[in-house]
Amino acid sequence: MISYTADASQDVMSTSWHTVSFLSSTRMTSTLPITNNATAAVGPVYYVAGENADTGSSIFKAAVYNSSGDVPVSITFAGVAAGTKANLTVLTADDPSAYNQPGSDNVVNTQSTS
């Protein structure tokens, strides 16, 4: 996930590294059960929900694979009122086949909103 060379300026973090780094940045202390109302059993959205007992946060993490279109997702957490503020971070790339390589810019776009 990280390509190293003797020249540190050529070290490259793969797109997978950015995904794993992002998904591991918010810790859950327990997972929560999820009800999937979608007609498809699996994919293109893969997800987990949980909570962090230390911060009192409810957490939803998802990844969309092999989809070039919008994928609607709607979530609710028991005990969290409608309209409660949340943070949303989305990682994207301009091309679904994009990858990071030495000497090129990072292809992963990160957008965060609150």
PDB file of N, CA and C in Angstrom:
ATOM      1  N   MET A   1       0.808  -1.194   0.000  1.00  0.00           N
ATOM      2  CA  MET A   1       0.000   0.000   0.000  1.00  0.00           C
ATOM      3  C   MET A   1       0.856   1.265   0.000  1.00  0.00           C
ATOM      4  N   ILE A   2       2.142   1.085   0.369  1.00  0.00           N
ATOM      5  CA  ILE A   2       3.078   2.204   0.288  1.00  0.00           C
ATOM      6  C   ILE A   2       4.270   1.738  -0.535  1.00  0.00           C
ATOM      7  N   SER A   3       4.601   2.489  -1.552  1.00  0.00           N
ATOM      8  CA  SER A   3       5.748   2.174  -2.398  1.00  0.00           C
ATOM      9  C   SER A   3       6.912   3.062  -1.959  1.00  0.00           C
ATOM     10  N   TYR A   4       7.993   2.429  -1.499  1.00  0.00           N
ATOM     11  CA  TYR A   4       9.169   3.159  -1.032  1.00  0.00           C
ATOM     12  C   TYR A   4      10.299   3.056  -2.046  1.00  0.00           C
ATOM     13  N   THR A   5      11.096   4.116  -2.119  1.00  0.00           N
ATOM     14  CA  THR A   5      12.351   4.066  -2.872  1.00  0.00           C
ATOM     15  C   THR A   5      13.425   4.714  -2.002  1.00  0.00           C
ATOM     16  N   ALA A   6      14.655   4.710  -2.474  1.00  0.00           N
ATOM     17  CA  ALA A   6      15.733   5.372  -1.740  1.00  0.00           C
ATOM     18  C   ALA A   6      15.528   6.884  -1.715  1.00  0.00           C
ATOM     19  N   ASP A   7      14.754   7.392  -2.668  1.00  0.00           N
ATOM     20  CA  ASP A   7      14.430   8.823  -2.737  1.00  0.00           C
ATOM     21  C   ASP A   7      13.048   9.026  -2.116  1.00  0.00           C
ATOM     22  N   ALA A   8      13.014   9.568  -0.900  1.00  0.00           N
ATOM     23  CA  ALA A   8      11.750   9.721  -0.166  1.00  0.00           C
ATOM     24  C   ALA A   8      10.721  10.564  -0.919  1.00  0.00           C
ATOM     25  N   SER A   9      11.167  11.421  -1.837  1.00  0.00           N
ATOM     26  CA  SER A   9      10.210  12.234  -2.595  1.00  0.00           C
ATOM     27  C   SER A   9       9.415  11.384  -3.588  1.00  0.00           C
ATOM     28  N   GLN A  10       9.848  10.148  -3.819  1.00  0.00           N
ATOM     29  CA  GLN A  10       9.147   9.255  -4.728  1.00  0.00           C
ATOM     30  C   GLN A  10       8.281   8.230  -4.007  1.00  0.00           C
ATOM     31  N   ASP A  11       8.217   8.302  -2.671  1.00  0.00           N
ATOM     32  CA  ASP A  11       7.336   7.403  -1.933  1.00  0.00           C
ATOM     33  C   ASP A  11       5.892   7.685  -2.327  1.00  0.00           C
ATOM     34  N   VAL A  12       5.112   6.618  -2.497  1.00  0.00           N
ATOM     35  CA  VAL A  12       3.739   6.766  -2.977  1.00  0.00           C
ATOM     36  C   VAL A  12       2.792   5.994  -2.065  1.00  0.00           C
ATOM     37  N   MET A  13       1.744   6.683  -1.606  1.00  0.00           N
ATOM     38  CA  MET A  13       0.678   6.026  -0.874  1.00  0.00           C
ATOM     39  C   MET A  13      -0.394   5.664  -1.896  1.00  0.00           C
ATOM     40  N   SER A  14      -0.730   4.368  -1.982  1.00  0.00           N
ATOM     41  CA  SER A  14      -1.715   3.917  -2.958  1.00  0.00           C
ATOM     42  C   SER A  14      -3.105   4.456  -2.613  1.00  0.00           C
ATOM     43  N   THR A  15      -4.018   4.351  -3.566  1.00  0.00           N
ATOM     44  CA  THR A  15      -5.400   4.760  -3.292  1.00  0.00           C
ATOM     45  C   THR A  15      -5.974   3.898  -2.164  1.00  0.00           C
ATOM     46  N   SER A  16      -5.583   2.632  -2.096  1.00  0.00           N
ATOM     47  CA  SER A  16      -6.040   1.758  -0.997  1.00  0.00           C
ATOM     48  C   SER A  16      -5.524   2.256   0.337  1.00  0.00           C
ATOM     49  N   TRP A  17      -4.288   2.754   0.390  1.00  0.00           N
ATOM     50  CA  TRP A  17      -3.748   3.299   1.635  1.00  0.00           C
ATOM     51  C   TRP A  17      -4.612   4.454   2.117  1.00  0.00           C
ATOM     52  N   HIS A  18      -5.000   5.348   1.213  1.00  0.00           N
ATOM     53  CA  HIS A  18      -5.842   6.480   1.599  1.00  0.00           C
ATOM     54  C   HIS A  18      -7.181   5.998   2.154  1.00  0.00           C
ATOM     55  N   THR A  19      -7.738   4.961   1.558  1.00  0.00           N
ATOM     56  CA  THR A  19      -9.011   4.411   2.032  1.00  0.00           C
ATOM     57  C   THR A  19      -8.859   3.805   3.420  1.00  0.00           C
ATOM     58  N   VAL A  20      -7.869   2.968   3.614  1.00  0.00           N
ATOM     59  CA  VAL A  20      -7.650   2.329   4.914  1.00  0.00           C
ATOM     60  C   VAL A  20      -7.329   3.379   5.980  1.00  0.00           C
ATOM     61  N   SER A  21      -6.507   4.349   5.642  1.00  0.00           N
ATOM     62  CA  SER A  21      -6.168   5.412   6.582  1.00  0.00           C
ATOM     63  C   SER A  21      -7.416   6.172   7.016  1.00  0.00           C
ATOM     64  N   PHE A  22      -8.258   6.500   6.052  1.00  0.00           N
ATOM     65  CA  PHE A  22      -9.499   7.215   6.349  1.00  0.00           C
ATOM     66  C   PHE A  22     -10.432   6.364   7.218  1.00  0.00           C
ATOM     67  N   LEU A  23     -10.653   5.108   6.827  1.00  0.00           N
ATOM     68  CA  LEU A  23     -11.589   4.258   7.571  1.00  0.00           C
ATOM     69  C   LEU A  23     -11.105   3.968   8.986  1.00  0.00           C
ATOM     70  N   SER A  24      -9.805   3.954   9.206  1.00  0.00           N
ATOM     71  CA  SER A  24      -9.284   3.654  10.543  1.00  0.00           C
ATOM     72  C   SER A  24      -9.126   4.898  11.416  1.00  0.00           C
ATOM     73  N   SER A  25      -9.408   6.080  10.876  1.00  0.00           N
ATOM     74  CA  SER A  25      -9.168   7.311  11.636  1.00  0.00           C
ATOM     75  C   SER A  25     -10.215   7.580  12.705  1.00  0.00           C
ATOM     76  N   THR A  26     -11.377   6.985  12.611  1.00  0.00           N
ATOM     77  CA  THR A  26     -12.426   7.145  13.619  1.00  0.00           C
ATOM     78  C   THR A  26     -12.712   5.778  14.220  1.00  0.00           C
ATOM     79  N   ARG A  27     -12.406   5.629  15.485  1.00  0.00           N
ATOM     80  CA  ARG A  27     -12.496   4.321  16.141  1.00  0.00           C
ATOM     81  C   ARG A  27     -13.883   4.055  16.720  1.00  0.00           C
ATOM     82  N   MET A  28     -14.316   2.813  16.573  1.00  0.00           N
ATOM     83  CA  MET A  28     -15.556   2.344  17.192  1.00  0.00           C
ATOM     84  C   MET A  28     -15.184   1.480  18.386  1.00  0.00           C
ATOM     85  N   THR A  29     -15.948   1.610  19.475  1.00  0.00           N
ATOM     86  CA  THR A  29     -15.738   0.720  20.611  1.00  0.00           C
ATOM     87  C   THR A  29     -16.692  -0.468  20.552  1.00  0.00           C
ATOM     88  N   SER A  30     -17.748  -0.345  19.743  1.00  0.00           N
ATOM     89  CA  SER A  30     -18.659  -1.475  19.513  1.00  0.00           C
ATOM     90  C   SER A  30     -19.377  -1.266  18.182  1.00  0.00           C
ATOM     91  N   THR A  31     -19.793  -2.375  17.596  1.00  0.00           N
ATOM     92  CA  THR A  31     -20.554  -2.302  16.355  1.00  0.00           C
ATOM     93  C   THR A  31     -22.040  -2.333  16.664  1.00  0.00           C
ATOM     94  N   LEU A  32     -22.831  -1.832  15.732  1.00  0.00           N
ATOM     95  CA  LEU A  32     -24.283  -1.805  15.880  1.00  0.00           C
ATOM     96  C   LEU A  32     -24.928  -2.651  14.791  1.00  0.00           C
ATOM     97  N   PRO A  33     -26.077  -3.252  15.080  1.00  0.00           N
ATOM     98  CA  PRO A  33     -26.771  -4.012  14.039  1.00  0.00           C
ATOM     99  C   PRO A  33     -27.302  -3.072  12.959  1.00  0.00           C
ATOM    100  N   ILE A  34     -27.352  -3.571  11.726  1.00  0.00           N
ATOM    101  CA  ILE A  34     -27.810  -2.779  10.588  1.00  0.00           C
ATOM    102  C   ILE A  34     -28.921  -3.533   9.871  1.00  0.00           C
ATOM    103  N   THR A  35     -29.953  -2.805   9.472  1.00  0.00           N
ATOM    104  CA  THR A  35     -30.992  -3.361   8.627  1.00  0.00           C
ATOM    105  C   THR A  35     -30.825  -2.771   7.245  1.00  0.00           C
ATOM    106  N   ASN A  36     -30.666  -3.632   6.252  1.00  0.00           N
ATOM    107  CA  ASN A  36     -30.488  -3.201   4.871  1.00  0.00           C
ATOM    108  C   ASN A  36     -31.824  -3.347   4.155  1.00  0.00           C
ATOM    109  N   ASN A  37     -32.417  -2.230   3.740  1.00  0.00           N
ATOM    110  CA  ASN A  37     -33.693  -2.258   3.033  1.00  0.00           C
ATOM    111  C   ASN A  37     -33.523  -2.295   1.525  1.00  0.00           C
ATOM    112  N   ALA A  38     -32.304  -2.393   1.057  1.00  0.00           N
ATOM    113  CA  ALA A  38     -32.041  -2.414  -0.386  1.00  0.00           C
ATOM    114  C   ALA A  38     -32.434  -3.774  -0.959  1.00  0.00           C
ATOM    115  N   THR A  39     -32.740  -3.782  -2.237  1.00  0.00           N
ATOM    116  CA  THR A  39     -33.114  -5.041  -2.890  1.00  0.00           C
ATOM    117  C   THR A  39     -31.892  -5.899  -3.189  1.00  0.00           C
ATOM    118  N   ALA A  40     -30.724  -5.280  -3.384  1.00  0.00           N
ATOM    119  CA  ALA A  40     -29.504  -6.040  -3.635  1.00  0.00           C
ATOM    120  C   ALA A  40     -28.919  -6.512  -2.308  1.00  0.00           C
ATOM    121  N   ALA A  41     -28.488  -7.759  -2.269  1.00  0.00           N
ATOM    122  CA  ALA A  41     -27.964  -8.320  -1.027  1.00  0.00           C
ATOM    123  C   ALA A  41     -26.582  -7.769  -0.677  1.00  0.00           C
ATOM    124  N   VAL A  42     -25.715  -7.608  -1.682  1.00  0.00           N
ATOM    125  CA  VAL A  42     -24.352  -7.167  -1.427  1.00  0.00           C
ATOM    126  C   VAL A  42     -23.925  -6.201  -2.524  1.00  0.00           C
ATOM    127  N   GLY A  43     -23.213  -5.133  -2.129  1.00  0.00           N
ATOM    128  CA  GLY A  43     -22.602  -4.191  -3.065  1.00  0.00           C
ATOM    129  C   GLY A  43     -23.596  -3.340  -3.815  1.00  0.00           C
ATOM    130  N   PRO A  44     -23.171  -2.234  -4.372  1.00  0.00           N
ATOM    131  CA  PRO A  44     -21.777  -1.794  -4.396  1.00  0.00           C
ATOM    132  C   PRO A  44     -21.360  -1.060  -3.123  1.00  0.00           C
ATOM    133  N   VAL A  45     -22.262  -0.969  -2.129  1.00  0.00           N
ATOM    134  CA  VAL A  45     -21.915  -0.296  -0.877  1.00  0.00           C
ATOM    135  C   VAL A  45     -21.588  -1.352   0.180  1.00  0.00           C
ATOM    136  N   TYR A  46     -20.423  -1.210   0.779  1.00  0.00           N
ATOM    137  CA  TYR A  46     -20.006  -2.084   1.876  1.00  0.00           C
ATOM    138  C   TYR A  46     -19.843  -1.191   3.101  1.00  0.00           C
ATOM    139  N   TYR A  47     -20.385  -1.604   4.237  1.00  0.00           N
ATOM    140  CA  TYR A  47     -20.520  -0.664   5.350  1.00  0.00           C
ATOM    141  C   TYR A  47     -20.478  -1.353   6.708  1.00  0.00           C
ATOM    142  N   VAL A  48     -20.301  -0.510   7.725  1.00  0.00           N
ATOM    143  CA  VAL A  48     -20.370  -0.926   9.117  1.00  0.00           C
ATOM    144  C   VAL A  48     -20.876   0.271   9.909  1.00  0.00           C
ATOM    145  N   ALA A  49     -21.616  -0.004  10.964  1.00  0.00           N
ATOM    146  CA  ALA A  49     -22.077   1.047  11.874  1.00  0.00           C
ATOM    147  C   ALA A  49     -21.634   0.687  13.283  1.00  0.00           C
ATOM    148  N   GLY A  50     -21.377   1.704  14.070  1.00  0.00           N
ATOM    149  CA  GLY A  50     -20.949   1.466  15.436  1.00  0.00           C
ATOM    150  C   GLY A  50     -21.045   2.713  16.266  1.00  0.00           C
ATOM    151  N   GLU A  51     -20.477   2.620  17.436  1.00  0.00           N
ATOM    152  CA  GLU A  51     -20.455   3.773  18.323  1.00  0.00           C
ATOM    153  C   GLU A  51     -19.120   3.807  19.045  1.00  0.00           C
ATOM    154  N   ASN A  52     -18.805   4.994  19.532  1.00  0.00           N
ATOM    155  CA  ASN A  52     -17.614   5.170  20.337  1.00  0.00           C
ATOM    156  C   ASN A  52     -18.094   5.596  21.717  1.00  0.00           C
ATOM    157  N   ALA A  53     -17.969   4.709  22.690  1.00  0.00           N
ATOM    158  CA  ALA A  53     -18.457   4.979  24.039  1.00  0.00           C
ATOM    159  C   ALA A  53     -17.692   6.119  24.703  1.00  0.00           C
ATOM    160  N   ASP A  54     -16.444   6.329  24.312  1.00  0.00           N
ATOM    161  CA  ASP A  54     -15.638   7.391  24.912  1.00  0.00           C
ATOM    162  C   ASP A  54     -16.101   8.777  24.482  1.00  0.00           C
ATOM    163  N   THR A  55     -16.552   8.901  23.222  1.00  0.00           N
ATOM    164  CA  THR A  55     -16.961  10.210  22.703  1.00  0.00           C
ATOM    165  C   THR A  55     -18.476  10.361  22.606  1.00  0.00           C
ATOM    166  N   GLY A  56     -19.210   9.242  22.743  1.00  0.00           N
ATOM    167  CA  GLY A  56     -20.663   9.282  22.585  1.00  0.00           C
ATOM    168  C   GLY A  56     -21.093   9.425  21.130  1.00  0.00           C
ATOM    169  N   SER A  57     -20.196   9.118  20.206  1.00  0.00           N
ATOM    170  CA  SER A  57     -20.463   9.286  18.777  1.00  0.00           C
ATOM    171  C   SER A  57     -21.103   8.041  18.178  1.00  0.00           C
ATOM    172  N   SER A  58     -22.034   8.263  17.254  1.00  0.00           N
ATOM    173  CA  SER A  58     -22.554   7.203  16.399  1.00  0.00           C
ATOM    174  C   SER A  58     -21.794   7.306  15.085  1.00  0.00           C
ATOM    175  N   ILE A  59     -21.362   6.158  14.554  1.00  0.00           N
ATOM    176  CA  ILE A  59     -20.445   6.168  13.413  1.00  0.00           C
ATOM    177  C   ILE A  59     -20.963   5.243  12.318  1.00  0.00           C
ATOM    178  N   PHE A  60     -20.944   5.723  11.082  1.00  0.00           N
ATOM    179  CA  PHE A  60     -21.264   4.923   9.904  1.00  0.00           C
ATOM    180  C   PHE A  60     -20.104   5.057   8.933  1.00  0.00           C
ATOM    181  N   LYS A  61     -19.536   3.929   8.512  1.00  0.00           N
ATOM    182  CA  LYS A  61     -18.439   3.932   7.547  1.00  0.00           C
ATOM    183  C   LYS A  61     -18.881   3.106   6.355  1.00  0.00           C
ATOM    184  N   ALA A  62     -18.632   3.626   5.162  1.00  0.00           N
ATOM    185  CA  ALA A  62     -19.040   2.909   3.960  1.00  0.00           C
ATOM    186  C   ALA A  62     -18.022   3.109   2.848  1.00  0.00           C
ATOM    187  N   ALA A  63     -17.972   2.152   1.960  1.00  0.00           N
ATOM    188  CA  ALA A  63     -17.148   2.247   0.747  1.00  0.00           C
ATOM    189  C   ALA A  63     -18.003   1.769  -0.415  1.00  0.00           C
ATOM    190  N   VAL A  64     -17.925   2.488  -1.524  1.00  0.00           N
ATOM    191  CA  VAL A  64     -18.644   2.121  -2.742  1.00  0.00           C
ATOM    192  C   VAL A  64     -17.612   1.657  -3.758  1.00  0.00           C
ATOM    193  N   TYR A  65     -17.784   0.444  -4.253  1.00  0.00           N
ATOM    194  CA  TYR A  65     -16.858  -0.121  -5.232  1.00  0.00           C
ATOM    195  C   TYR A  65     -17.585  -0.459  -6.524  1.00  0.00           C
ATOM    196  N   ASN A  66     -16.878  -0.287  -7.637  1.00  0.00           N
ATOM    197  CA  ASN A  66     -17.373  -0.668  -8.963  1.00  0.00           C
ATOM    198  C   ASN A  66     -18.694  -0.008  -9.314  1.00  0.00           C
ATOM    199  N   SER A  67     -18.784   1.275  -9.057  1.00  0.00           N
ATOM    200  CA  SER A  67     -19.962   2.044  -9.435  1.00  0.00           C
ATOM    201  C   SER A  67     -19.499   3.402  -9.931  1.00  0.00           C
ATOM    202  N   SER A  68     -19.967   3.794 -11.097  1.00  0.00           N
ATOM    203  CA  SER A  68     -19.600   5.106 -11.626  1.00  0.00           C
ATOM    204  C   SER A  68     -20.722   6.115 -11.429  1.00  0.00           C
ATOM    205  N   GLY A  69     -21.844   5.672 -10.871  1.00  0.00           N
ATOM    206  CA  GLY A  69     -22.971   6.573 -10.649  1.00  0.00           C
ATOM    207  C   GLY A  69     -23.202   6.824  -9.178  1.00  0.00           C
ATOM    208  N   ASP A  70     -24.177   7.670  -8.905  1.00  0.00           N
ATOM    209  CA  ASP A  70     -24.548   7.948  -7.522  1.00  0.00           C
ATOM    210  C   ASP A  70     -25.167   6.706  -6.891  1.00  0.00           C
ATOM    211  N   VAL A  71     -24.899   6.494  -5.613  1.00  0.00           N
ATOM    212  CA  VAL A  71     -25.478   5.392  -4.857  1.00  0.00           C
ATOM    213  C   VAL A  71     -26.156   5.996  -3.635  1.00  0.00           C
ATOM    214  N   PRO A  72     -27.496   6.050  -3.631  1.00  0.00           N
ATOM    215  CA  PRO A  72     -28.187   6.668  -2.497  1.00  0.00           C
ATOM    216  C   PRO A  72     -28.050   5.830  -1.228  1.00  0.00           C
ATOM    217  N   VAL A  73     -27.817   6.511  -0.118  1.00  0.00           N
ATOM    218  CA  VAL A  73     -27.714   5.867   1.190  1.00  0.00           C
ATOM    219  C   VAL A  73     -28.487   6.732   2.178  1.00  0.00           C
ATOM    220  N   SER A  74     -29.292   6.096   2.997  1.00  0.00           N
ATOM    221  CA  SER A  74     -30.032   6.791   4.046  1.00  0.00           C
ATOM    222  C   SER A  74     -29.830   6.027   5.342  1.00  0.00           C
ATOM    223  N   ILE A  75     -29.458   6.726   6.402  1.00  0.00           N
ATOM    224  CA  ILE A  75     -29.215   6.053   7.672  1.00  0.00           C
ATOM    225  C   ILE A  75     -29.906   6.791   8.813  1.00  0.00           C
ATOM    226  N   THR A  76     -30.271   6.044   9.824  1.00  0.00           N
ATOM    227  CA  THR A  76     -30.760   6.606  11.080  1.00  0.00           C
ATOM    228  C   THR A  76     -30.125   5.809  12.217  1.00  0.00           C
ATOM    229  N   PHE A  77     -29.921   6.459  13.333  1.00  0.00           N
ATOM    230  CA  PHE A  77     -29.403   5.816  14.526  1.00  0.00           C
ATOM    231  C   PHE A  77     -30.443   5.951  15.626  1.00  0.00           C
ATOM    232  N   ALA A  78     -30.739   4.876  16.309  1.00  0.00           N
ATOM    233  CA  ALA A  78     -31.661   4.919  17.441  1.00  0.00           C
ATOM    234  C   ALA A  78     -31.141   5.911  18.473  1.00  0.00           C
ATOM    235  N   GLY A  79     -32.010   6.767  18.955  1.00  0.00           N
ATOM    236  CA  GLY A  79     -31.632   7.733  19.975  1.00  0.00           C
ATOM    237  C   GLY A  79     -30.993   9.003  19.456  1.00  0.00           C
ATOM    238  N   VAL A  80     -30.822   9.119  18.147  1.00  0.00           N
ATOM    239  CA  VAL A  80     -30.254  10.336  17.560  1.00  0.00           C
ATOM    240  C   VAL A  80     -31.372  11.059  16.831  1.00  0.00           C
ATOM    241  N   ALA A  81     -31.651  12.288  17.242  1.00  0.00           N
ATOM    242  CA  ALA A  81     -32.780  13.041  16.696  1.00  0.00           C
ATOM    243  C   ALA A  81     -32.523  13.485  15.258  1.00  0.00           C
ATOM    244  N   ALA A  82     -33.599  13.552  14.479  1.00  0.00           N
ATOM    245  CA  ALA A  82     -33.501  14.081  13.114  1.00  0.00           C
ATOM    246  C   ALA A  82     -32.954  15.499  13.179  1.00  0.00           C
ATOM    247  N   GLY A  83     -32.076  15.838  12.251  1.00  0.00           N
ATOM    248  CA  GLY A  83     -31.492  17.177  12.208  1.00  0.00           C
ATOM    249  C   GLY A  83     -30.229  17.329  13.026  1.00  0.00           C
ATOM    250  N   THR A  84     -29.808  16.274  13.725  1.00  0.00           N
ATOM    251  CA  THR A  84     -28.566  16.331  14.490  1.00  0.00           C
ATOM    252  C   THR A  84     -27.394  16.538  13.536  1.00  0.00           C
ATOM    253  N   LYS A  85     -26.491  17.427  13.893  1.00  0.00           N
ATOM    254  CA  LYS A  85     -25.322  17.719  13.054  1.00  0.00           C
ATOM    255  C   LYS A  85     -24.422  16.490  12.957  1.00  0.00           C
ATOM    256  N   ALA A  86     -23.801  16.344  11.794  1.00  0.00           N
ATOM    257  CA  ALA A  86     -22.894  15.227  11.548  1.00  0.00           C
ATOM    258  C   ALA A  86     -21.739  15.701  10.682  1.00  0.00           C
ATOM    259  N   ASN A  87     -20.696  14.910  10.643  1.00  0.00           N
ATOM    260  CA  ASN A  87     -19.569  15.150   9.749  1.00  0.00           C
ATOM    261  C   ASN A  87     -19.617  14.110   8.640  1.00  0.00           C
ATOM    262  N   LEU A  88     -19.353  14.536   7.417  1.00  0.00           N
ATOM    263  CA  LEU A  88     -19.312  13.635   6.268  1.00  0.00           C
ATOM    264  C   LEU A  88     -18.008  13.862   5.529  1.00  0.00           C
ATOM    265  N   THR A  89     -17.277  12.787   5.298  1.00  0.00           N
ATOM    266  CA  THR A  89     -16.059  12.861   4.504  1.00  0.00           C
ATOM    267  C   THR A  89     -16.194  11.872   3.359  1.00  0.00           C
ATOM    268  N   VAL A  90     -15.893  12.331   2.147  1.00  0.00           N
ATOM    269  CA  VAL A  90     -16.011  11.507   0.952  1.00  0.00           C
ATOM    270  C   VAL A  90     -14.671  11.510   0.217  1.00  0.00           C
ATOM    271  N   LEU A  91     -14.193  10.312  -0.107  1.00  0.00           N
ATOM    272  CA  LEU A  91     -12.988  10.156  -0.917  1.00  0.00           C
ATOM    273  C   LEU A  91     -13.427   9.764  -2.318  1.00  0.00           C
ATOM    274  N   THR A  92     -12.921  10.465  -3.320  1.00  0.00           N
ATOM    275  CA  THR A  92     -13.257  10.158  -4.712  1.00  0.00           C
ATOM    276  C   THR A  92     -12.010  10.277  -5.576  1.00  0.00           C
ATOM    277  N   ALA A  93     -12.153   9.840  -6.809  1.00  0.00           N
ATOM    278  CA  ALA A  93     -11.130  10.048  -7.835  1.00  0.00           C
ATOM    279  C   ALA A  93     -11.865  10.416  -9.113  1.00  0.00           C
ATOM    280  N   ASP A  94     -11.228  11.204  -9.953  1.00  0.00           N
ATOM    281  CA  ASP A  94     -11.860  11.633 -11.201  1.00  0.00           C
ATOM    282  C   ASP A  94     -12.068  10.488 -12.179  1.00  0.00           C
ATOM    283  N   ASP A  95     -11.257   9.453 -12.068  1.00  0.00           N
ATOM    284  CA  ASP A  95     -11.330   8.306 -12.970  1.00  0.00           C
ATOM    285  C   ASP A  95     -11.403   7.039 -12.121  1.00  0.00           C
ATOM    286  N   PRO A  96     -12.381   6.155 -12.360  1.00  0.00           N
ATOM    287  CA  PRO A  96     -12.486   4.945 -11.543  1.00  0.00           C
ATOM    288  C   PRO A  96     -11.267   4.025 -11.639  1.00  0.00           C
ATOM    289  N   SER A  97     -10.452   4.191 -12.654  1.00  0.00           N
ATOM    290  CA  SER A  97      -9.250   3.368 -12.807  1.00  0.00           C
ATOM    291  C   SER A  97      -7.992   4.095 -12.344  1.00  0.00           C
ATOM    292  N   ALA A  98      -8.165   5.239 -11.701  1.00  0.00           N
ATOM    293  CA  ALA A  98      -7.025   6.069 -11.293  1.00  0.00           C
ATOM    294  C   ALA A  98      -6.169   5.350 -10.243  1.00  0.00           C
ATOM    295  N   TYR A  99      -4.887   5.678 -10.252  1.00  0.00           N
ATOM    296  CA  TYR A  99      -3.974   5.141  -9.253  1.00  0.00           C
ATOM    297  C   TYR A  99      -2.858   6.155  -9.019  1.00  0.00           C
ATOM    298  N   ASN A 100      -2.233   6.073  -7.867  1.00  0.00           N
ATOM    299  CA  ASN A 100      -1.113   6.952  -7.545  1.00  0.00           C
ATOM    300  C   ASN A 100       0.177   6.326  -8.035  1.00  0.00           C
ATOM    301  N   GLN A 101       1.077   7.171  -8.532  1.00  0.00           N
ATOM    302  CA  GLN A 101       2.362   6.692  -9.019  1.00  0.00           C
ATOM    303  C   GLN A 101       3.438   7.729  -8.733  1.00  0.00           C
ATOM    304  N   PRO A 102       4.704   7.295  -8.668  1.00  0.00           N
ATOM    305  CA  PRO A 102       5.790   8.244  -8.396  1.00  0.00           C
ATOM    306  C   PRO A 102       5.807   9.380  -9.414  1.00  0.00           C
ATOM    307  N   GLY A 103       6.051  10.588  -8.926  1.00  0.00           N
ATOM    308  CA  GLY A 103       6.163  11.758  -9.790  1.00  0.00           C
ATOM    309  C   GLY A 103       4.844  12.366 -10.210  1.00  0.00           C
ATOM    310  N   SER A 104       3.737  11.801  -9.759  1.00  0.00           N
ATOM    311  CA  SER A 104       2.416  12.339 -10.119  1.00  0.00           C
ATOM    312  C   SER A 104       1.691  12.826  -8.870  1.00  0.00           C
ATOM    313  N   ASP A 105       0.681  13.656  -9.080  1.00  0.00           N
ATOM    314  CA  ASP A 105      -0.132  14.136  -7.970  1.00  0.00           C
ATOM    315  C   ASP A 105      -0.994  13.009  -7.411  1.00  0.00           C
ATOM    316  N   ASN A 106      -1.372  13.134  -6.149  1.00  0.00           N
ATOM    317  CA  ASN A 106      -2.297  12.208  -5.507  1.00  0.00           C
ATOM    318  C   ASN A 106      -3.648  12.291  -6.232  1.00  0.00           C
ATOM    319  N   VAL A 107      -4.201  11.147  -6.642  1.00  0.00           N
ATOM    320  CA  VAL A 107      -5.469  11.148  -7.379  1.00  0.00           C
ATOM    321  C   VAL A 107      -6.685  11.113  -6.451  1.00  0.00           C
ATOM    322  N   VAL A 108      -6.456  10.921  -5.149  1.00  0.00           N
ATOM    323  CA  VAL A 108      -7.561  10.837  -4.197  1.00  0.00           C
ATOM    324  C   VAL A 108      -7.999  12.241  -3.792  1.00  0.00           C
ATOM    325  N   ASN A 109      -9.274  12.539  -4.032  1.00  0.00           N
ATOM    326  CA  ASN A 109      -9.867  13.812  -3.612  1.00  0.00           C
ATOM    327  C   ASN A 109     -10.610  13.589  -2.302  1.00  0.00           C
ATOM    328  N   THR A 110     -10.367  14.437  -1.325  1.00  0.00           N
ATOM    329  CA  THR A 110     -11.040  14.332  -0.030  1.00  0.00           C
ATOM    330  C   THR A 110     -11.905  15.554   0.161  1.00  0.00           C
ATOM    331  N   GLN A 111     -13.204  15.337   0.427  1.00  0.00           N
ATOM    332  CA  GLN A 111     -14.147  16.417   0.683  1.00  0.00           C
ATOM    333  C   GLN A 111     -14.825  16.168   2.012  1.00  0.00           C
ATOM    334  N   SER A 112     -14.779  17.141   2.915  1.00  0.00           N
ATOM    335  CA  SER A 112     -15.400  17.015   4.218  1.00  0.00           C
ATOM    336  C   SER A 112     -16.399  18.145   4.434  1.00  0.00           C
ATOM    337  N   THR A 113     -17.538  17.779   5.001  1.00  0.00           N
ATOM    338  CA  THR A 113     -18.559  18.764   5.347  1.00  0.00           C
ATOM    339  C   THR A 113     -19.109  18.439   6.733  1.00  0.00           C
ATOM    340  N   SER A 114     -19.637  19.446   7.363  1.00  0.00           N
ATOM    341  CA  SER A 114     -20.256  19.266   8.683  1.00  0.00           C
ATOM    342  C   SER A 114     -21.701  19.679   8.633  1.00  0.00           C
TER     343      SER A 114
END
